[in-house]
Amino acid sequence: MIQLSRKASLACLSALLIFAMDASLPANTAGSEIEFAGDGAGQAADGKAAPPETQSSGTNRTPTVALSVPKKPNAKKKPRVLVTSDGEIDDQCSLVRFLLYANEWDIEGIITSSSQYHAHGHRWPGDDWVQPFLAAYSKVYPNLVQHDPEYPTTEFLQSCTLLGNVQSEGEMDAITPGSQHIVKVLLDETDDRPIWIQAWGGTNTIARALKTIELDHPDKMESVANKIRFYFIWEQDTTYQSYIRPRWGKYNIPTIISDQFIAIFYRWKKYLPDKQQSFLAGSWMQPNILKDHGPLCALYPAHTGDDKGFDAGDFRSEGDSPAFLHTIPVGLRSMESPGWGGWGGRYVKVRENTWLDPVADPNYRYPDGRWYGNSAWGRSRLRENRPNDTELTQYVKPIWRWMEAMQNDFASRADWCVKSFAEANHPPMVKLAMPLDLQVQAGNEVSLSAHGSSDPDGDQLSYRWWHYQEAGSFPHTIQIRDAAQQDASFSVPESARQGETIHLICEITDNGTPALTRYQRVVIQVK
């Protein structure tokens, strides 16, 4: 008789259970209610700066038989994402990571667009730059679906990978396959889930799509706007200010425009702390990502050595990754409000429903126009080339505080390209034996419990409860009792005022290799 290991036994049992569950699930479960809070924690009143970060710092599916389904699976309510990209080398780095997380979303499109940095005739990567990455994905896909059958097929990804407006910076006159695809997605009334539209480059193809809707379907503008969630990596052309904001601003589309992405930008060695840099160094990247992890990871364009202070294998840049890191459902609930913080950063509302980066200077005034390389606080500060710039380090902390967990998770996905389920690690499943939202009077005690949490591989779990002070409105530190235990507690301070919020994070890490982390967030409102 063959004796299975605990991990292999769990894999086989889980596969059978998932297969049975899949057979009983409805084909379409659309209709989640992912929305930005109207007035999130950390809001900057009248455009003034809000405090920066000061404190350091999902569920899992098991494999089943891969089915020949050309489209994305629909058994779960997953975030819907649509990417536009200018194909810059850091977009190529981001695309590798994006494809490794393709199981976490319903991908609505991968659209090539232009930007102020890249367009036809100007440092252009080619109209078909995505194709080698999809070809490599097709080679590792059979292994990826051993870890999660929710990975989309290469055929499906090819069907929604299209060329947008690329002729010049900000060009939005031409109707292109990419812009028309965005129109089709936005006008589809069979799925009312929000669509996270990401601009890794310029917003011009998005603008062209919205202009088509305005001209051809003006009666649909409001319903379309209600679906949209924007996440822009800077404003890399003028079309958001010249068209989207003037013509669509009345619909108050939730919009994140990020500058703190520079935490994982080309010059990360200038401002990241040493510990976080260690997860980007070639000594970590080569064994965990670049070498012996299959053809997709082999395409990852890291530094090749002797390159302006970077060594062979050093992380280059993934400036666009925060746009999708924000939507990976790791339990931080960051899609509920940009002010809550998560792997994609933490933001403050500065006008309408527009969220920018927290700046430490209380007298700082955000520009009313573009937030981009010439005006955003972090990029402007970086040009000053200050040595040991601790203010810049703190500015990008909303992203780097999660660095170890994010990189270990990336490494596990690289393993999924080449290892069986039994050989690889999978993230813990965090379940709290309590509501995630509480109303509590000042002075009362709150019991916290992570009973019900588990690990798909049978790994041991460690617990960490901590107060994410910057995400809430209560301005003082919370002392948590038994913070390293499954069950913990704290008392709401007597000084807490009615309506103030306290955000507590339950962070659970397994002891697998690499160690993987997931979370749950408890939000307490003082009553």
Protein backbone atom coordinates (compact mmCIF):
# COMPACT_ATOMS: atom_id res chain seq x y z
CA MET A 1 0.00 0.00 0.00
CA ILE A 2 1.28 3.49 -0.90
CA GLN A 3 1.68 5.75 2.14
CA LEU A 4 0.95 9.40 1.30
CA SER A 5 2.53 12.31 3.14
CA ARG A 6 0.25 14.65 5.08
CA LYS A 7 0.60 17.34 2.41
CA ALA A 8 -0.09 14.93 -0.44
CA SER A 9 -3.08 13.48 1.38
CA LEU A 10 -4.49 16.96 1.92
CA ALA A 11 -3.96 17.78 -1.73
CA CYS A 12 -5.82 14.70 -2.93
CA LEU A 13 -8.68 15.15 -0.48
CA SER A 14 -9.01 18.85 -1.27
CA ALA A 15 -9.00 18.17 -4.99
CA LEU A 16 -11.92 15.77 -4.64
CA LEU A 17 -13.83 18.24 -2.47
CA ILE A 18 -13.22 21.14 -4.85
CA PHE A 19 -14.28 19.02 -7.83
CA ALA A 20 -17.50 18.10 -6.07
CA MET A 21 -18.13 21.70 -5.03
CA ASP A 22 -17.47 23.03 -8.52
CA ALA A 23 -20.11 20.72 -9.91
CA SER A 24 -22.73 22.20 -7.60
CA LEU A 25 -21.92 25.90 -8.01
CA PRO A 26 -23.92 28.20 -10.29
CA ALA A 27 -22.27 29.32 -13.49
CA ASN A 28 -22.60 33.04 -12.79
CA THR A 29 -22.30 34.65 -9.37
CA ALA A 30 -21.81 38.27 -10.36
CA GLY A 31 -22.80 41.21 -8.26
CA SER A 32 -20.27 41.93 -5.51
CA GLU A 33 -20.45 45.30 -3.81
CA ILE A 34 -16.85 46.53 -3.90
CA GLU A 35 -16.95 50.28 -3.40
CA PHE A 36 -14.74 53.05 -2.12
CA ALA A 37 -15.90 54.58 1.11
CA GLY A 38 -17.23 58.05 0.49
CA ASP A 39 -15.14 59.53 3.30
CA GLY A 40 -12.37 57.08 4.16
CA ALA A 41 -10.00 57.18 7.07
CA GLY A 42 -7.04 59.45 6.60
CA GLN A 43 -8.91 61.90 4.38
CA ALA A 44 -7.05 65.12 3.72
CA ALA A 45 -9.49 67.95 4.35
CA ASP A 46 -9.47 70.71 1.73
CA GLY A 47 -6.55 69.10 -0.08
CA LYS A 48 -4.13 69.39 2.85
CA ALA A 49 -1.66 66.64 3.58
CA ALA A 50 -2.47 63.78 5.92
CA PRO A 51 -0.04 61.96 8.24
CA PRO A 52 2.29 59.39 6.68
CA GLU A 53 2.94 55.86 7.89
CA THR A 54 4.65 55.74 11.27
CA GLN A 55 4.24 52.14 12.43
CA SER A 56 6.39 49.29 11.13
CA SER A 57 5.09 46.68 10.45
CA GLY A 58 -8.08 34.96 1.11
CA THR A 59 -8.79 32.15 0.80
CA ASN A 60 -6.88 29.37 -0.85
CA ARG A 61 -7.92 26.87 -3.46
CA THR A 62 -6.49 23.43 -4.02
CA PRO A 63 -6.02 21.67 -7.34
CA THR A 64 -8.46 19.67 -9.36
CA VAL A 65 -8.54 18.36 -12.89
CA ALA A 66 -7.89 21.15 -15.39
CA LEU A 67 -10.94 21.60 -17.59
CA SER A 68 -10.64 22.80 -21.18
CA VAL A 69 -12.60 25.99 -20.58
CA PRO A 70 -11.56 28.79 -22.95
CA LYS A 71 -12.90 31.49 -20.67
CA LYS A 72 -12.27 32.52 -17.09
CA PRO A 73 -13.95 30.37 -14.43
CA ASN A 74 -17.02 31.94 -12.85
CA ALA A 75 -17.47 29.90 -9.70
CA LYS A 76 -16.36 32.74 -7.42
CA LYS A 77 -16.96 36.45 -7.10
CA LYS A 78 -13.53 37.76 -7.94
CA PRO A 79 -12.36 41.30 -8.62
CA ARG A 80 -12.57 42.31 -12.27
CA VAL A 81 -9.43 43.98 -13.62
CA LEU A 82 -8.49 45.57 -16.93
CA VAL A 83 -4.89 46.63 -17.58
CA THR A 84 -3.54 49.23 -19.98
CA SER A 85 0.24 49.32 -20.37
CA ASP A 86 2.90 51.09 -22.41
CA GLY A 87 5.23 48.08 -22.38
CA GLU A 88 8.15 49.77 -20.58
CA ILE A 89 10.68 47.34 -19.13
CA ASP A 90 9.19 47.71 -15.66
CA ASP A 91 5.76 46.94 -17.15
CA GLN A 92 7.34 43.74 -18.43
CA CYS A 93 8.54 42.93 -14.91
CA SER A 94 5.06 43.67 -13.59
CA LEU A 95 3.42 41.51 -16.26
CA VAL A 96 5.32 38.43 -15.08
CA ARG A 97 4.02 38.92 -11.55
CA PHE A 98 0.54 39.80 -12.87
CA LEU A 99 0.26 36.56 -14.82
CA LEU A 100 1.33 34.53 -11.78
CA TYR A 101 -1.68 36.01 -9.95
CA ALA A 102 -4.09 35.66 -12.86
CA ASN A 103 -6.16 33.17 -10.85
CA GLU A 104 -7.13 35.88 -8.37
CA TRP A 105 -9.17 38.01 -10.78
CA ASP A 106 -11.50 37.97 -13.72
CA ILE A 107 -9.18 39.60 -16.24
CA GLU A 108 -11.20 41.76 -18.63
CA GLY A 109 -8.36 42.96 -20.82
CA ILE A 110 -4.64 43.53 -21.33
CA ILE A 111 -4.44 46.56 -23.59
CA THR A 112 -1.28 48.10 -25.01
CA SER A 113 -1.40 51.89 -24.85
CA SER A 114 1.08 54.77 -25.06
CA SER A 115 2.45 57.25 -22.52
CA GLN A 116 4.68 60.29 -22.31
CA TYR A 117 7.58 57.85 -22.13
CA HIS A 118 6.64 55.33 -24.83
CA ALA A 119 4.74 55.57 -28.12
CA HIS A 120 5.29 54.68 -31.76
CA GLY A 121 8.65 56.06 -32.78
CA HIS A 122 9.71 56.79 -29.22
CA ARG A 123 11.31 53.96 -27.21
CA TRP A 124 8.51 51.68 -28.37
CA PRO A 125 8.64 48.01 -27.24
CA GLY A 126 6.55 46.82 -30.20
CA ASP A 127 2.83 46.37 -30.74
CA ASP A 128 3.03 42.71 -29.77
CA TRP A 129 5.35 42.96 -26.77
CA VAL A 130 2.92 40.97 -24.59
CA GLN A 131 3.05 37.87 -26.81
CA PRO A 132 6.31 36.30 -25.55
CA PHE A 133 4.96 36.49 -22.00
CA LEU A 134 1.70 34.79 -22.96
CA ALA A 135 3.67 32.11 -24.81
CA ALA A 136 5.74 31.48 -21.69
CA TYR A 137 2.57 31.47 -19.56
CA SER A 138 1.15 28.75 -21.82
CA LYS A 139 4.13 26.54 -20.98
CA VAL A 140 3.71 26.85 -17.21
CA TYR A 141 -0.11 26.86 -17.27
CA PRO A 142 -0.38 23.05 -16.91
CA ASN A 143 1.58 23.30 -13.67
CA LEU A 144 -0.19 26.41 -12.37
CA VAL A 145 -3.61 24.75 -12.57
CA GLN A 146 -2.34 22.00 -10.28
CA HIS A 147 -2.29 24.72 -7.62
CA ASP A 148 -5.50 26.49 -8.63
CA PRO A 149 -7.88 25.57 -11.46
CA GLU A 150 -8.98 29.22 -11.56
CA TYR A 151 -5.99 30.19 -13.72
CA PRO A 152 -7.36 31.42 -17.08
CA THR A 153 -6.34 29.62 -20.24
CA THR A 154 -3.81 31.17 -22.59
CA GLU A 155 -6.52 31.21 -25.25
CA PHE A 156 -8.70 33.37 -23.05
CA LEU A 157 -5.85 35.78 -22.26
CA GLN A 158 -5.06 36.02 -25.97
CA SER A 159 -8.68 36.87 -26.70
CA CYS A 160 -8.58 39.96 -24.48
CA THR A 161 -5.02 41.14 -25.29
CA LEU A 162 -5.41 43.97 -27.79
CA LEU A 163 -3.69 47.03 -29.23
CA GLY A 164 -4.99 50.39 -28.09
CA ASN A 165 -4.02 53.97 -28.88
CA VAL A 166 -0.25 53.97 -29.38
CA GLN A 167 0.55 56.39 -32.20
CA SER A 168 1.68 59.22 -29.95
CA GLU A 169 1.55 60.49 -26.38
CA GLY A 170 -2.02 61.25 -25.38
CA GLU A 171 -3.52 60.35 -28.77
CA MET A 172 -7.21 59.52 -28.28
CA ASP A 173 -8.72 60.34 -31.68
CA ALA A 174 -8.50 56.89 -33.25
CA ILE A 175 -10.99 54.14 -32.46
CA THR A 176 -8.77 51.10 -31.86
CA PRO A 177 -9.33 47.41 -31.07
CA GLY A 178 -8.20 48.11 -27.51
CA SER A 179 -10.50 51.07 -26.97
CA GLN A 180 -13.44 49.21 -28.49
CA HIS A 181 -12.80 46.26 -26.21
CA ILE A 182 -12.96 48.56 -23.18
CA VAL A 183 -16.25 49.94 -24.52
CA LYS A 184 -17.64 46.42 -24.86
CA VAL A 185 -16.61 45.49 -21.32
CA LEU A 186 -18.08 48.66 -19.82
CA LEU A 187 -21.39 48.36 -21.68
CA ASP A 188 -21.88 44.72 -20.73
CA GLU A 189 -24.91 44.70 -18.43
CA THR A 190 -24.73 41.00 -17.55
CA ASP A 191 -22.14 41.61 -14.83
CA ASP A 192 -22.51 44.48 -12.38
CA ARG A 193 -19.30 43.95 -10.43
CA PRO A 194 -16.91 46.92 -10.36
CA ILE A 195 -14.12 46.97 -12.93
CA TRP A 196 -10.68 48.04 -11.73
CA ILE A 197 -9.23 49.83 -14.75
CA GLN A 198 -5.48 50.23 -14.36
CA ALA A 199 -3.22 52.61 -16.27
CA TRP A 200 0.37 51.38 -16.13
CA GLY A 201 1.11 53.97 -18.80
CA GLY A 202 -1.05 56.77 -20.16
CA THR A 203 -4.83 57.00 -19.83
CA ASN A 204 -5.41 57.78 -23.51
CA THR A 205 -6.91 54.44 -24.59
CA ILE A 206 -9.22 54.55 -21.58
CA ALA A 207 -10.16 58.12 -22.53
CA ARG A 208 -10.89 57.06 -26.12
CA ALA A 209 -13.20 54.30 -24.86
CA LEU A 210 -15.06 56.71 -22.59
CA LYS A 211 -15.38 59.24 -25.41
CA THR A 212 -16.93 56.56 -27.63
CA ILE A 213 -19.46 55.81 -24.90
CA GLU A 214 -20.18 59.52 -24.45
CA LEU A 215 -20.78 59.97 -28.20
CA ASP A 216 -22.63 56.74 -28.97
CA HIS A 217 -24.29 55.84 -25.66
CA PRO A 218 -24.74 59.04 -23.64
CA ASP A 219 -27.63 57.46 -21.76
CA LYS A 220 -25.24 54.82 -20.41
CA MET A 221 -22.60 57.18 -19.00
CA GLU A 222 -23.83 57.13 -15.42
CA SER A 223 -24.29 53.36 -15.24
CA VAL A 224 -20.86 52.84 -16.80
CA ALA A 225 -19.24 55.28 -14.38
CA ASN A 226 -20.80 53.47 -11.44
CA LYS A 227 -18.86 50.34 -12.41
CA ILE A 228 -15.45 51.97 -12.81
CA ARG A 229 -12.63 52.03 -10.27
CA PHE A 230 -9.50 53.76 -11.56
CA TYR A 231 -5.95 53.04 -10.37
CA PHE A 232 -3.37 55.09 -12.27
CA ILE A 233 0.41 54.92 -11.92
CA TRP A 234 0.92 58.67 -12.21
CA GLU A 235 -0.91 60.53 -14.98
CA GLN A 236 1.43 59.56 -17.80
CA ASP A 237 -0.30 61.74 -20.37
CA THR A 238 -2.75 64.65 -20.23
CA THR A 239 -5.98 62.84 -21.14
CA TYR A 240 -7.25 62.37 -17.59
CA GLN A 241 -7.10 66.14 -17.02
CA SER A 242 -8.15 67.19 -20.53
CA TYR A 243 -10.99 64.74 -21.09
CA ILE A 244 -11.84 62.19 -18.37
CA ARG A 245 -12.02 64.58 -15.44
CA PRO A 246 -13.98 67.37 -17.22
CA ARG A 247 -16.46 65.07 -18.98
CA TRP A 248 -16.83 62.27 -16.41
CA GLY A 249 -15.96 64.05 -13.17
CA LYS A 250 -19.62 64.67 -12.33
CA TYR A 251 -20.02 60.93 -11.79
CA ASN A 252 -17.43 60.94 -9.01
CA ILE A 253 -15.55 57.87 -10.25
CA PRO A 254 -13.31 56.50 -7.46
CA THR A 255 -9.75 57.22 -8.60
CA ILE A 256 -6.37 56.34 -7.09
CA ILE A 257 -3.36 58.08 -8.63
CA SER A 258 -0.20 56.63 -7.13
CA ASP A 259 3.22 58.14 -6.60
CA GLN A 260 4.28 55.87 -3.73
CA PHE A 261 4.77 53.12 -6.30
CA ILE A 262 8.34 54.41 -6.35
CA ALA A 263 8.85 52.08 -3.37
CA ILE A 264 9.47 49.41 -6.02
CA PHE A 265 10.70 51.76 -8.75
CA TYR A 266 14.09 51.88 -10.48
CA ARG A 267 15.89 53.77 -7.71
CA TRP A 268 14.69 51.66 -4.78
CA LYS A 269 18.21 51.46 -3.33
CA LYS A 270 18.04 55.18 -2.56
CA TYR A 271 15.30 54.96 0.08
CA LEU A 272 14.25 51.42 1.03
CA PRO A 273 15.43 50.12 4.42
CA ASP A 274 18.09 47.41 4.36
CA LYS A 275 15.72 44.60 5.34
CA GLN A 276 13.34 45.39 2.50
CA GLN A 277 16.23 45.75 0.06
CA SER A 278 17.33 42.22 0.91
CA PHE A 279 14.17 40.86 -0.76
CA LEU A 280 15.04 42.72 -3.98
CA ALA A 281 18.74 41.85 -4.11
CA GLY A 282 20.05 39.42 -6.70
CA SER A 283 21.05 37.04 -3.92
CA TRP A 284 17.32 36.64 -3.18
CA MET A 285 15.86 37.12 -6.67
CA GLN A 286 18.03 34.57 -8.44
CA PRO A 287 17.22 31.46 -6.37
CA ASN A 288 13.61 32.44 -5.68
CA ILE A 289 12.47 33.83 -9.04
CA LEU A 290 14.97 33.97 -11.88
CA LYS A 291 16.65 30.56 -11.92
CA ASP A 292 15.02 27.15 -12.34
CA HIS A 293 11.46 28.49 -12.19
CA GLY A 294 10.35 27.90 -15.75
CA PRO A 295 10.10 29.98 -18.92
CA LEU A 296 7.80 32.72 -17.58
CA CYS A 297 10.07 33.71 -14.70
CA ALA A 298 13.06 33.37 -17.04
CA LEU A 299 11.63 36.32 -19.00
CA TYR A 300 11.68 38.56 -15.93
CA PRO A 301 14.06 41.40 -16.94
CA ALA A 302 16.13 41.86 -13.79
CA HIS A 303 19.45 43.69 -13.79
CA THR A 304 22.23 41.87 -15.58
CA GLY A 305 25.12 43.23 -13.51
CA ASP A 306 27.48 46.22 -13.38
CA ASP A 307 24.47 48.41 -14.09
CA LYS A 308 24.69 51.77 -12.29
CA GLY A 309 25.29 50.22 -8.90
CA PHE A 310 23.07 47.16 -9.37
CA ASP A 311 24.35 43.60 -9.32
CA ALA A 312 23.37 40.68 -11.52
CA GLY A 313 19.89 39.50 -10.64
CA ASP A 314 18.94 42.61 -8.69
CA PHE A 315 15.30 43.60 -8.94
CA ARG A 316 14.94 46.29 -11.60
CA SER A 317 11.55 47.96 -11.17
CA GLU A 318 7.87 47.08 -10.90
CA GLY A 319 6.44 50.55 -10.69
CA ASP A 320 3.11 49.36 -12.09
CA SER A 321 2.56 46.38 -9.79
CA PRO A 322 0.81 48.35 -6.99
CA ALA A 323 -2.13 48.83 -9.38
CA PHE A 324 -2.92 45.12 -9.20
CA LEU A 325 -1.38 44.35 -5.80
CA HIS A 326 -4.20 46.54 -4.47
CA THR A 327 -6.77 44.06 -5.80
CA ILE A 328 -5.23 40.75 -4.68
CA PRO A 329 -7.65 39.49 -2.01
CA VAL A 330 -5.19 38.80 0.80
CA GLY A 331 -7.67 39.79 3.53
CA LEU A 332 -6.71 43.43 4.09
CA ARG A 333 -9.99 44.68 2.58
CA SER A 334 -8.08 47.43 0.80
CA MET A 335 -10.63 47.60 -2.02
CA GLU A 336 -13.20 48.92 0.46
CA SER A 337 -11.31 52.21 0.76
CA PRO A 338 -7.93 53.49 -0.53
CA GLY A 339 -7.44 55.01 2.92
CA TRP A 340 -7.35 51.59 4.58
CA GLY A 341 -4.01 50.55 3.11
CA GLY A 342 -2.81 47.27 1.66
CA TRP A 343 -0.25 45.76 -0.68
CA GLY A 344 -0.99 48.50 -3.23
CA GLY A 345 -0.40 51.35 -0.77
CA ARG A 346 -2.49 53.75 1.30
CA TYR A 347 -3.99 56.99 0.00
CA VAL A 348 -5.85 60.12 1.12
CA LYS A 349 -8.82 61.80 -0.51
CA VAL A 350 -7.84 65.23 -1.81
CA ARG A 351 -10.79 66.16 -4.04
CA GLU A 352 -14.05 64.63 -5.22
CA ASN A 353 -13.35 60.88 -5.08
CA THR A 354 -9.69 61.25 -6.03
CA TRP A 355 -7.06 59.69 -3.78
CA LEU A 356 -3.37 60.63 -3.77
CA ASP A 357 -0.38 59.81 -1.59
CA PRO A 358 -0.10 60.98 2.04
CA VAL A 359 2.53 63.71 2.43
CA ALA A 360 4.10 64.32 5.83
CA ASP A 361 4.24 68.12 5.60
CA PRO A 362 0.99 69.44 7.16
CA ASN A 363 1.30 72.62 5.08
CA TYR A 364 1.67 70.79 1.78
CA ARG A 365 -0.94 71.67 -0.85
CA TYR A 366 -1.74 69.09 -3.49
CA PRO A 367 -1.75 70.37 -7.08
CA ASP A 368 -5.18 70.67 -8.64
CA GLY A 369 -3.84 69.39 -11.96
CA ARG A 370 -1.72 66.39 -12.92
CA TRP A 371 -0.12 64.13 -10.30
CA TYR A 372 2.86 62.79 -12.22
CA GLY A 373 6.63 62.82 -12.52
CA ASN A 374 6.93 66.62 -12.56
CA SER A 375 4.51 67.36 -9.72
CA ALA A 376 4.11 64.35 -7.40
CA TRP A 377 5.83 64.82 -4.05
CA GLY A 378 7.92 61.64 -4.04
CA ARG A 379 9.34 61.93 -7.54
CA SER A 380 10.07 65.61 -6.99
CA ARG A 381 11.85 64.79 -3.73
CA LEU A 382 13.82 62.01 -5.40
CA ARG A 383 15.24 64.49 -7.91
CA GLU A 384 16.75 66.44 -5.02
CA ASN A 385 19.01 63.42 -4.45
CA ARG A 386 19.19 63.90 -0.68
CA PRO A 387 21.39 61.38 1.17
CA ASN A 388 19.64 59.22 3.77
CA ASP A 389 16.27 60.81 3.03
CA THR A 390 14.17 59.41 5.88
CA GLU A 391 11.13 61.47 4.86
CA LEU A 392 11.12 59.83 1.44
CA THR A 393 11.53 56.43 3.09
CA GLN A 394 8.48 57.09 5.25
CA TYR A 395 6.53 58.40 2.26
CA VAL A 396 6.77 55.05 0.46
CA LYS A 397 6.28 52.96 3.60
CA PRO A 398 2.61 52.17 2.88
CA ILE A 399 3.96 49.77 0.24
CA TRP A 400 7.31 48.58 1.59
CA ARG A 401 5.86 47.68 4.99
CA TRP A 402 4.44 44.56 3.26
CA MET A 403 7.62 43.76 1.30
CA GLU A 404 8.61 40.49 2.98
CA ALA A 405 5.12 39.02 2.65
CA MET A 406 4.73 40.21 -0.96
CA GLN A 407 8.08 38.86 -2.10
CA ASN A 408 7.66 35.53 -0.34
CA ASP A 409 4.26 35.25 -2.00
CA PHE A 410 5.87 36.02 -5.37
CA ALA A 411 8.42 33.28 -4.71
CA SER A 412 5.67 30.79 -3.96
CA ARG A 413 3.98 31.61 -7.27
CA ALA A 414 7.29 31.07 -9.05
CA ASP A 415 7.44 27.66 -7.36
CA TRP A 416 3.95 26.88 -8.64
CA CYS A 417 5.37 27.09 -12.17
CA VAL A 418 7.61 24.08 -11.62
CA LYS A 419 6.55 22.20 -8.48
CA SER A 420 3.66 19.90 -7.69
CA PHE A 421 1.05 20.86 -5.14
CA ALA A 422 2.65 18.59 -2.55
CA GLU A 423 6.09 20.14 -3.11
CA ALA A 424 5.05 23.80 -2.98
CA ASN A 425 3.67 26.05 -0.28
CA HIS A 426 0.23 27.68 -0.27
CA PRO A 427 -1.02 30.58 1.85
CA PRO A 428 -2.91 30.09 5.11
CA MET A 429 -6.65 30.71 5.26
CA VAL A 430 -7.52 33.34 7.85
CA LYS A 431 -10.93 33.06 9.42
CA LEU A 432 -12.01 35.06 12.45
CA ALA A 433 -14.55 33.79 14.96
CA MET A 434 -16.01 37.28 15.23
CA PRO A 435 -17.47 40.02 13.03
CA LEU A 436 -15.07 42.07 10.94
CA ASP A 437 -16.92 45.30 11.75
CA LEU A 438 -17.79 46.24 15.32
CA GLN A 439 -19.35 49.17 17.14
CA VAL A 440 -17.99 49.45 20.67
CA GLN A 441 -18.28 52.06 23.41
CA ALA A 442 -15.17 53.72 24.79
CA GLY A 443 -13.86 51.82 27.81
CA ASN A 444 -15.24 48.45 26.72
CA GLU A 445 -13.10 45.38 26.12
CA VAL A 446 -13.02 43.65 22.73
CA SER A 447 -12.19 39.96 22.37
CA LEU A 448 -10.36 38.96 19.21
CA SER A 449 -10.28 35.41 17.89
CA ALA A 450 -8.73 33.76 14.84
CA HIS A 451 -10.23 30.36 15.62
CA GLY A 452 -11.15 28.67 12.38
CA SER A 453 -7.96 29.70 10.58
CA SER A 454 -6.11 26.87 8.87
CA ASP A 455 -3.40 25.99 6.39
CA PRO A 456 -3.98 23.91 3.25
CA ASP A 457 -0.61 22.19 3.66
CA GLY A 458 -0.97 21.43 7.35
CA ASP A 459 1.77 23.94 8.26
CA GLN A 460 2.06 25.47 11.70
CA LEU A 461 0.71 29.00 12.00
CA SER A 462 2.01 32.02 13.88
CA TYR A 463 -0.26 34.90 14.83
CA ARG A 464 0.28 38.62 15.06
CA TRP A 465 -2.45 41.10 15.97
CA TRP A 466 -1.46 44.72 15.43
CA HIS A 467 -2.97 48.19 15.31
CA TYR A 468 -2.80 49.82 11.88
CA GLN A 469 -2.96 53.31 13.32
CA GLU A 470 -2.65 55.26 10.07
CA ALA A 471 -5.71 53.54 8.58
CA GLY A 472 -8.08 54.66 11.34
CA SER A 473 -9.06 57.99 12.82
CA PHE A 474 -8.29 57.27 16.50
CA PRO A 475 -4.97 59.11 16.86
CA HIS A 476 -3.28 57.09 19.62
CA THR A 477 -1.65 53.68 19.99
CA ILE A 478 -3.75 50.68 21.00
CA GLN A 479 -2.27 48.10 23.36
CA ILE A 480 -3.27 44.55 22.39
CA ARG A 481 -3.04 41.78 24.98
CA ASP A 482 -1.72 38.36 23.82
CA ALA A 483 -0.94 39.87 20.42
CA ALA A 484 1.05 36.79 19.35
CA GLN A 485 -1.74 34.32 20.19
CA GLN A 486 -4.73 33.00 18.30
CA ASP A 487 -6.98 34.78 20.80
CA ALA A 488 -6.22 38.34 21.86
CA SER A 489 -8.04 41.30 23.36
CA PHE A 490 -7.84 45.04 23.90
CA SER A 491 -9.77 47.81 25.59
CA VAL A 492 -11.13 50.76 23.65
CA PRO A 493 -9.49 53.74 25.36
CA GLU A 494 -11.71 56.02 27.41
CA SER A 495 -10.36 58.92 25.34
CA ALA A 496 -11.82 57.52 22.10
CA ARG A 497 -14.54 59.72 20.67
CA GLN A 498 -17.79 58.67 19.08
CA GLY A 499 -17.34 57.94 15.38
CA GLU A 500 -13.58 57.38 15.54
CA THR A 501 -12.31 54.17 13.97
CA ILE A 502 -9.66 51.68 15.06
CA HIS A 503 -8.19 49.23 12.53
CA LEU A 504 -6.71 45.99 13.83
CA ILE A 505 -4.91 43.51 11.58
CA CYS A 506 -4.79 39.78 12.22
CA GLU A 507 -1.66 38.63 10.41
CA ILE A 508 -1.11 34.88 10.11
CA THR A 509 2.07 33.33 8.69
CA ASP A 510 2.77 29.66 8.07
CA ASN A 511 6.10 27.88 8.57
CA GLY A 512 6.36 26.60 5.02
CA THR A 513 9.03 27.52 2.49
CA PRO A 514 8.71 30.32 1.64
CA ALA A 515 6.69 31.43 4.66
CA LEU A 516 3.37 32.84 3.45
CA THR A 517 1.13 35.43 5.09
CA ARG A 518 -2.55 36.30 4.91
CA TYR A 519 -4.66 38.72 6.93
CA GLN A 520 -8.02 39.83 8.21
CA ARG A 521 -8.89 43.36 9.21
CA VAL A 522 -11.22 44.24 12.06
CA VAL A 523 -12.66 47.76 11.99
CA ILE A 524 -13.99 49.09 15.29
CA GLN A 525 -16.15 52.20 15.30
CA VAL A 526 -16.52 53.95 18.63
CA LYS A 527 -20.16 54.47 19.57
